[in-house]
């Protein structure tokens, strides 16, 4: 089973982001602090919307 990479710059998987959300990261900033997603060269321009969707789905 291949991982669904959400943050391409940092190689952060959907599984990692969902785990962070379930551990209490209920904002993009909190997900960034726990996973480093959105901290790559694109500064989240490619992944913020997907992270927001995951937060809504899993919070």
C-alpha atoms as a PDB file:
ATOM      1  CA  UNK A   1       0.000   0.000   0.000  1.00  0.00           C
ATOM      2  CA  UNK A   2       1.524   3.303  -1.051  1.00  0.00           C
ATOM      3  CA  UNK A   3       1.393   6.334   1.184  1.00  0.00           C
ATOM      4  CA  UNK A   4      -0.622   9.344   0.134  1.00  0.00           C
ATOM      5  CA  UNK A   5       1.864  12.214   0.421  1.00  0.00           C
ATOM      6  CA  UNK A   6       0.114  15.473   1.328  1.00  0.00           C
ATOM      7  CA  UNK A   7       3.074  17.818   1.836  1.00  0.00           C
ATOM      8  CA  UNK A   8       5.248  17.193  -1.211  1.00  0.00           C
ATOM      9  CA  UNK A   9       8.099  19.471  -0.112  1.00  0.00           C
ATOM     10  CA  UNK A  10       8.625  17.681   3.196  1.00  0.00           C
ATOM     11  CA  UNK A  11       7.269  14.256   2.177  1.00  0.00           C
ATOM     12  CA  UNK A  12       4.618  14.245   4.931  1.00  0.00           C
ATOM     13  CA  UNK A  13       2.009  11.515   4.518  1.00  0.00           C
ATOM     14  CA  UNK A  14      -1.733  11.744   5.047  1.00  0.00           C
ATOM     15  CA  UNK A  15      -1.364   9.144   7.808  1.00  0.00           C
ATOM     16  CA  UNK A  16       1.111  11.374   9.686  1.00  0.00           C
ATOM     17  CA  UNK A  17      -1.160  14.414   9.372  1.00  0.00           C
ATOM     18  CA  UNK A  18      -4.271  12.499  10.463  1.00  0.00           C
ATOM     19  CA  UNK A  19      -2.351  11.162  13.487  1.00  0.00           C
ATOM     20  CA  UNK A  20      -1.385  14.723  14.452  1.00  0.00           C
ATOM     21  CA  UNK A  21      -5.015  15.864  14.096  1.00  0.00           C
ATOM     22  CA  UNK A  22      -6.224  12.996  16.291  1.00  0.00           C
ATOM     23  CA  UNK A  23      -3.608  14.008  18.863  1.00  0.00           C
ATOM     24  CA  UNK A  24      -5.121  17.501  19.036  1.00  0.00           C
ATOM     25  CA  UNK A  25      -3.710  19.504  16.121  1.00  0.00           C
ATOM     26  CA  UNK A  26      -6.912  21.253  15.038  1.00  0.00           C
ATOM     27  CA  UNK A  27      -5.395  24.044  12.938  1.00  0.00           C
ATOM     28  CA  UNK A  28      -2.941  24.195  10.043  1.00  0.00           C
ATOM     29  CA  UNK A  29      -0.437  25.891  12.363  1.00  0.00           C
ATOM     30  CA  UNK A  30      -0.766  23.102  14.943  1.00  0.00           C
ATOM     31  CA  UNK A  31      -0.308  20.460  12.224  1.00  0.00           C
ATOM     32  CA  UNK A  32       2.791  22.359  11.072  1.00  0.00           C
ATOM     33  CA  UNK A  33       4.221  22.349  14.602  1.00  0.00           C
ATOM     34  CA  UNK A  34       3.672  18.590  14.984  1.00  0.00           C
ATOM     35  CA  UNK A  35       4.669  17.428  11.480  1.00  0.00           C
ATOM     36  CA  UNK A  36       6.586  20.241   9.685  1.00  0.00           C
ATOM     37  CA  UNK A  37       3.965  20.144   6.897  1.00  0.00           C
ATOM     38  CA  UNK A  38       3.686  23.552   5.157  1.00  0.00           C
ATOM     39  CA  UNK A  39       7.243  24.492   6.184  1.00  0.00           C
ATOM     40  CA  UNK A  40       8.912  23.563   2.903  1.00  0.00           C
ATOM     41  CA  UNK A  41       9.906  25.827   0.010  1.00  0.00           C
ATOM     42  CA  UNK A  42       6.308  26.328  -1.219  1.00  0.00           C
ATOM     43  CA  UNK A  43       5.182  27.402   2.294  1.00  0.00           C
ATOM     44  CA  UNK A  44       2.072  25.243   2.025  1.00  0.00           C
ATOM     45  CA  UNK A  45       0.739  26.582  -1.262  1.00  0.00           C
ATOM     46  CA  UNK A  46       0.307  23.002  -2.497  1.00  0.00           C
ATOM     47  CA  UNK A  47      -0.949  21.342   0.697  1.00  0.00           C
ATOM     48  CA  UNK A  48      -2.788  23.783   2.975  1.00  0.00           C
ATOM     49  CA  UNK A  49      -6.189  23.161   1.389  1.00  0.00           C
ATOM     50  CA  UNK A  50      -5.794  19.383   1.725  1.00  0.00           C
ATOM     51  CA  UNK A  51      -4.654  19.741   5.347  1.00  0.00           C
ATOM     52  CA  UNK A  52      -7.709  21.908   6.068  1.00  0.00           C
ATOM     53  CA  UNK A  53      -9.935  19.202   4.549  1.00  0.00           C
ATOM     54  CA  UNK A  54      -8.280  16.549   6.707  1.00  0.00           C
ATOM     55  CA  UNK A  55      -8.751  18.672   9.831  1.00  0.00           C
ATOM     56  CA  UNK A  56     -12.473  19.049   9.083  1.00  0.00           C
ATOM     57  CA  UNK A  57     -12.812  15.324   8.425  1.00  0.00           C
ATOM     58  CA  UNK A  58     -10.860  14.042  11.444  1.00  0.00           C
ATOM     59  CA  UNK A  59     -11.152  16.587  14.257  1.00  0.00           C
END
